[in-house]
Amino acid sequence: MEWYQYLSGFWAGFFLVNTIPHYVAGLQGNKFTTAFASPPGKGLSSPIMNIVWALINLFAGLGLFFVAKIDTDNWLSLIIFFVGVILTSFYLSNRFGKQNQE
């Protein structure tokens, strides 16, 4: 595999994990922060905007997943993908947790 495929795998994990909180908030009809909020990343966006943002993240993550050619025969590609998933999970948990306390 090429180096950019491993990098794509990491970012695929990032975008796919970031899909979850926005999609769930949108489905629940809750306002939640997005990149389109005012101020960006801090203000709240409508449930519909959260669904849109979730879908953008989903398609970006899936596109990067296919570019990465993640395969069970290539353990390094799987490890890098899951490192992206795990690091993003902890980052978002910390970020959204602090934001909800404000």
C-alpha atoms as a PDB file:
ATOM      1  CA  MET A   1       0.000   0.000   0.000  1.00  0.00           C
ATOM      2  CA  GLU A   2       1.007   3.579  -0.574  1.00  0.00           C
ATOM      3  CA  TRP A   3       1.521   6.023   2.325  1.00  0.00           C
ATOM      4  CA  TYR A   4      -1.510   8.094   1.344  1.00  0.00           C
ATOM      5  CA  GLN A   5      -3.743   5.045   1.706  1.00  0.00           C
ATOM      6  CA  TYR A   6      -2.713   4.665   5.333  1.00  0.00           C
ATOM      7  CA  LEU A   7      -3.352   8.378   5.896  1.00  0.00           C
ATOM      8  CA  SER A   8      -6.746   8.000   4.209  1.00  0.00           C
ATOM      9  CA  GLY A   9      -7.527   5.134   6.572  1.00  0.00           C
ATOM     10  CA  PHE A  10      -6.862   7.285   9.620  1.00  0.00           C
ATOM     11  CA  TRP A  11      -9.079  10.098   8.328  1.00  0.00           C
ATOM     12  CA  ALA A  12     -11.773   7.609   7.322  1.00  0.00           C
ATOM     13  CA  GLY A  13     -11.967   6.612  10.988  1.00  0.00           C
ATOM     14  CA  PHE A  14     -12.147  10.272  11.994  1.00  0.00           C
ATOM     15  CA  PHE A  15     -15.022  11.156   9.675  1.00  0.00           C
ATOM     16  CA  LEU A  16     -16.995   7.981  10.311  1.00  0.00           C
ATOM     17  CA  VAL A  17     -16.895   8.482  14.086  1.00  0.00           C
ATOM     18  CA  ASN A  18     -17.838  12.155  13.701  1.00  0.00           C
ATOM     19  CA  THR A  19     -20.959  11.031  11.825  1.00  0.00           C
ATOM     20  CA  ILE A  20     -22.457   9.448  14.935  1.00  0.00           C
ATOM     21  CA  PRO A  21     -23.101  12.368  17.338  1.00  0.00           C
ATOM     22  CA  HIS A  22     -24.482  14.622  14.620  1.00  0.00           C
ATOM     23  CA  TYR A  23     -26.751  11.953  13.176  1.00  0.00           C
ATOM     24  CA  VAL A  24     -28.072  10.966  16.603  1.00  0.00           C
ATOM     25  CA  ALA A  25     -28.694  14.603  17.586  1.00  0.00           C
ATOM     26  CA  GLY A  26     -30.504  15.209  14.305  1.00  0.00           C
ATOM     27  CA  LEU A  27     -32.651  12.092  14.654  1.00  0.00           C
ATOM     28  CA  GLN A  28     -33.601  13.104  18.188  1.00  0.00           C
ATOM     29  CA  GLY A  29     -34.587  16.565  16.976  1.00  0.00           C
ATOM     30  CA  ASN A  30     -31.922  18.228  19.124  1.00  0.00           C
ATOM     31  CA  LYS A  31     -29.790  21.217  18.278  1.00  0.00           C
ATOM     32  CA  PHE A  32     -26.082  20.406  18.309  1.00  0.00           C
ATOM     33  CA  THR A  33     -22.892  22.129  17.264  1.00  0.00           C
ATOM     34  CA  THR A  34     -21.579  21.833  13.698  1.00  0.00           C
ATOM     35  CA  ALA A  35     -18.991  23.570  11.557  1.00  0.00           C
ATOM     36  CA  PHE A  36     -21.858  25.682  10.183  1.00  0.00           C
ATOM     37  CA  ALA A  37     -22.969  27.020  13.576  1.00  0.00           C
ATOM     38  CA  SER A  38     -22.404  30.579  14.676  1.00  0.00           C
ATOM     39  CA  PRO A  39     -19.739  30.746  15.997  1.00  0.00           C
ATOM     40  CA  PRO A  40     -18.415  27.720  14.084  1.00  0.00           C
ATOM     41  CA  GLY A  41     -17.953  24.674  16.268  1.00  0.00           C
ATOM     42  CA  LYS A  42     -19.458  26.369  19.330  1.00  0.00           C
ATOM     43  CA  GLY A  43     -22.940  27.543  18.466  1.00  0.00           C
ATOM     44  CA  LEU A  44     -25.856  25.208  17.889  1.00  0.00           C
ATOM     45  CA  SER A  45     -27.202  24.075  14.544  1.00  0.00           C
ATOM     46  CA  SER A  46     -30.682  22.811  13.751  1.00  0.00           C
ATOM     47  CA  PRO A  47     -31.463  19.088  13.721  1.00  0.00           C
ATOM     48  CA  ILE A  48     -31.685  19.170   9.914  1.00  0.00           C
ATOM     49  CA  MET A  49     -28.238  20.779   9.647  1.00  0.00           C
ATOM     50  CA  ASN A  50     -26.894  18.057  11.926  1.00  0.00           C
ATOM     51  CA  ILE A  51     -28.287  15.375   9.615  1.00  0.00           C
ATOM     52  CA  VAL A  52     -26.692  17.162   6.643  1.00  0.00           C
ATOM     53  CA  TRP A  53     -23.360  17.431   8.504  1.00  0.00           C
ATOM     54  CA  ALA A  54     -23.575  13.762   9.482  1.00  0.00           C
ATOM     55  CA  LEU A  55     -24.156  12.759   5.862  1.00  0.00           C
ATOM     56  CA  ILE A  56     -21.223  14.892   4.686  1.00  0.00           C
ATOM     57  CA  ASN A  57     -19.030  13.145   7.269  1.00  0.00           C
ATOM     58  CA  LEU A  58     -20.420   9.734   6.280  1.00  0.00           C
ATOM     59  CA  PHE A  59     -19.722  10.194   2.576  1.00  0.00           C
ATOM     60  CA  ALA A  60     -16.271  11.657   3.243  1.00  0.00           C
ATOM     61  CA  GLY A  61     -15.455   8.764   5.589  1.00  0.00           C
ATOM     62  CA  LEU A  62     -16.694   6.119   3.169  1.00  0.00           C
ATOM     63  CA  GLY A  63     -14.815   7.710   0.287  1.00  0.00           C
ATOM     64  CA  LEU A  64     -11.603   7.744   2.292  1.00  0.00           C
ATOM     65  CA  PHE A  65     -12.258   4.182   3.484  1.00  0.00           C
ATOM     66  CA  PHE A  66     -12.370   2.968  -0.119  1.00  0.00           C
ATOM     67  CA  VAL A  67      -9.302   5.018  -1.097  1.00  0.00           C
ATOM     68  CA  ALA A  68      -7.457   3.442   1.835  1.00  0.00           C
ATOM     69  CA  LYS A  69      -8.321  -0.071   0.644  1.00  0.00           C
ATOM     70  CA  ILE A  70      -8.628  -1.209   4.235  1.00  0.00           C
ATOM     71  CA  ASP A  71      -8.498  -4.981   4.259  1.00  0.00           C
ATOM     72  CA  THR A  72      -8.390  -7.734   6.851  1.00  0.00           C
ATOM     73  CA  ASP A  73      -5.324  -9.100   5.079  1.00  0.00           C
ATOM     74  CA  ASN A  74      -3.458  -5.875   5.827  1.00  0.00           C
ATOM     75  CA  TRP A  75      -3.318  -5.555   9.609  1.00  0.00           C
ATOM     76  CA  LEU A  76      -1.497  -2.224   9.494  1.00  0.00           C
ATOM     77  CA  SER A  77      -4.349  -0.652   7.523  1.00  0.00           C
ATOM     78  CA  LEU A  78      -6.855  -1.917  10.094  1.00  0.00           C
ATOM     79  CA  ILE A  79      -4.743  -0.702  13.007  1.00  0.00           C
ATOM     80  CA  ILE A  80      -4.363   2.777  11.515  1.00  0.00           C
ATOM     81  CA  PHE A  81      -8.103   2.947  10.768  1.00  0.00           C
ATOM     82  CA  PHE A  82      -8.968   1.991  14.344  1.00  0.00           C
ATOM     83  CA  VAL A  83      -6.402   4.409  15.760  1.00  0.00           C
ATOM     84  CA  GLY A  84      -8.330   7.121  13.890  1.00  0.00           C
ATOM     85  CA  VAL A  85     -11.593   5.802  15.349  1.00  0.00           C
ATOM     86  CA  ILE A  86     -10.246   5.604  18.913  1.00  0.00           C
ATOM     87  CA  LEU A  87      -8.433   8.950  18.972  1.00  0.00           C
ATOM     88  CA  THR A  88     -11.420  10.720  17.458  1.00  0.00           C
ATOM     89  CA  SER A  89     -13.762   9.081  19.963  1.00  0.00           C
ATOM     90  CA  PHE A  90     -11.728  10.338  22.912  1.00  0.00           C
ATOM     91  CA  TYR A  91     -11.271  13.778  21.337  1.00  0.00           C
ATOM     92  CA  LEU A  92     -14.982  14.250  20.627  1.00  0.00           C
ATOM     93  CA  SER A  93     -15.964  12.922  24.038  1.00  0.00           C
ATOM     94  CA  ASN A  94     -13.683  15.458  25.692  1.00  0.00           C
ATOM     95  CA  ARG A  95     -14.691  18.334  23.408  1.00  0.00           C
ATOM     96  CA  PHE A  96     -18.439  17.800  23.550  1.00  0.00           C
ATOM     97  CA  GLY A  97     -18.271  17.045  27.275  1.00  0.00           C
ATOM     98  CA  LYS A  98     -16.592  20.398  27.980  1.00  0.00           C
ATOM     99  CA  GLN A  99     -19.032  22.184  25.687  1.00  0.00           C
ATOM    100  CA  ASN A 100     -22.048  20.711  27.488  1.00  0.00           C
ATOM    101  CA  GLN A 101     -20.682  21.920  30.840  1.00  0.00           C
ATOM    102  CA  GLU A 102     -20.479  25.560  29.678  1.00  0.00           C
END
